[in-house]
Amino acid sequence: MIKTFRHKGLEKWFKKGSKSGIMPKHAGRLRLILGVLNAANKPRDMGLPGLKLHSLKGLLKGFWSVSVSGNWRVIFRFDGADVFDVDYADYH
């Protein structure tokens, strides 16, 4: 279950359906990603075809990433079965 967000616009989209803080063209994909992430119990639950799940290194060690579109990613970390620090970024 998602416990915390780093990206306030993504949190608003998840909780209220407001697209004001995200790229509107990503709305459908973000809905899918956040729905699966909220139901996930471990990182590997996010390993759906096309999401390109991978673990991050360096300063983001301990985080996981899935693809939204182009260079845009949703990144997150698990603590037990809960998800924290969900972010939406163009990090390349």
Protein backbone atom coordinates (compact mmCIF):
# COMPACT_ATOMS: atom_id res chain seq x y z
CA MET A 1 0.00 0.00 0.00
CA ILE A 2 1.27 3.48 -0.84
CA LYS A 3 2.06 5.37 2.37
CA THR A 4 3.92 8.52 1.22
CA PHE A 5 4.60 10.57 -1.90
CA ARG A 6 7.53 12.84 -2.72
CA HIS A 7 5.74 14.36 -5.72
CA LYS A 8 2.75 16.43 -4.57
CA GLY A 9 1.16 16.54 -8.04
CA LEU A 10 1.25 12.74 -8.28
CA GLU A 11 -0.28 12.49 -4.82
CA LYS A 12 -3.07 14.85 -5.89
CA TRP A 13 -3.70 12.75 -9.00
CA PHE A 14 -3.81 9.55 -6.94
CA LYS A 15 -6.08 10.87 -4.17
CA LYS A 16 -8.29 13.39 -5.98
CA GLY A 17 -7.93 12.75 -9.72
CA SER A 18 -6.51 16.24 -10.34
CA LYS A 19 -4.18 16.38 -13.35
CA SER A 20 -2.83 19.81 -12.40
CA GLY A 21 0.51 18.48 -11.14
CA ILE A 22 1.20 15.85 -13.80
CA MET A 23 1.54 15.73 -17.57
CA PRO A 24 -2.06 15.09 -18.72
CA LYS A 25 -0.88 12.73 -21.47
CA HIS A 26 0.59 10.48 -18.75
CA ALA A 27 -2.66 10.27 -16.75
CA GLY A 28 -3.78 6.85 -18.00
CA ARG A 29 -0.39 5.24 -17.55
CA LEU A 30 0.01 6.80 -14.09
CA ARG A 31 -3.40 5.48 -13.06
CA LEU A 32 -2.29 1.95 -14.02
CA ILE A 33 1.09 2.26 -12.30
CA LEU A 34 -0.31 3.72 -9.08
CA GLY A 35 -3.13 1.17 -8.94
CA VAL A 36 -0.72 -1.74 -9.25
CA LEU A 37 1.75 -0.11 -6.87
CA ASN A 38 -0.94 0.43 -4.24
CA ALA A 39 -1.82 -3.28 -4.38
CA ALA A 40 1.80 -4.50 -4.51
CA ASN A 41 3.45 -6.26 -1.57
CA LYS A 42 6.99 -6.38 -2.95
CA PRO A 43 8.94 -4.71 -5.77
CA ARG A 44 8.64 -7.69 -8.11
CA ASP A 45 4.84 -7.24 -8.13
CA MET A 46 5.55 -4.23 -10.37
CA GLY A 47 7.29 -6.37 -12.99
CA LEU A 48 4.46 -6.18 -15.53
CA PRO A 49 5.31 -6.24 -19.25
CA GLY A 50 6.19 -2.76 -20.50
CA LEU A 51 6.83 -1.19 -17.11
CA LYS A 52 10.58 -1.93 -17.28
CA LEU A 53 10.97 -2.45 -13.53
CA HIS A 54 14.53 -2.03 -12.31
CA SER A 55 16.37 -1.23 -9.09
CA LEU A 56 18.28 2.04 -8.85
CA LYS A 57 21.87 2.63 -7.78
CA GLY A 58 23.99 5.41 -6.37
CA LEU A 59 22.09 8.08 -4.43
CA LEU A 60 18.81 6.30 -5.17
CA LYS A 61 19.98 2.88 -3.98
CA GLY A 62 17.03 1.09 -2.37
CA PHE A 63 14.55 2.63 -4.81
CA TRP A 64 12.86 0.98 -7.76
CA SER A 65 11.74 2.52 -11.03
CA VAL A 66 9.06 1.84 -13.64
CA SER A 67 8.64 3.54 -17.00
CA VAL A 68 5.84 6.00 -17.69
CA SER A 69 6.84 7.36 -21.12
CA GLY A 70 10.14 8.37 -22.70
CA ASN A 71 12.45 9.41 -19.86
CA TRP A 72 9.61 9.81 -17.35
CA ARG A 73 9.59 7.34 -14.48
CA VAL A 74 7.76 6.62 -11.26
CA ILE A 75 10.27 5.77 -8.55
CA PHE A 76 9.51 4.31 -5.13
CA ARG A 77 10.88 2.25 -2.28
CA PHE A 78 9.42 -0.58 -0.25
CA ASP A 79 9.61 -1.04 3.50
CA GLY A 80 8.04 -4.41 4.19
CA ALA A 81 4.82 -4.54 2.18
CA ASP A 82 4.36 -0.73 2.19
CA VAL A 83 5.47 1.78 -0.44
CA PHE A 84 7.12 5.10 0.44
CA ASP A 85 8.54 8.18 -1.29
CA VAL A 86 6.67 7.72 -4.58
CA ASP A 87 8.04 10.22 -7.10
CA TYR A 88 7.37 11.13 -10.74
CA ALA A 89 10.37 12.46 -12.60
CA ASP A 90 12.32 12.80 -15.82
CA TYR A 91 15.53 11.57 -14.22
CA HIS A 92 17.74 10.82 -17.24
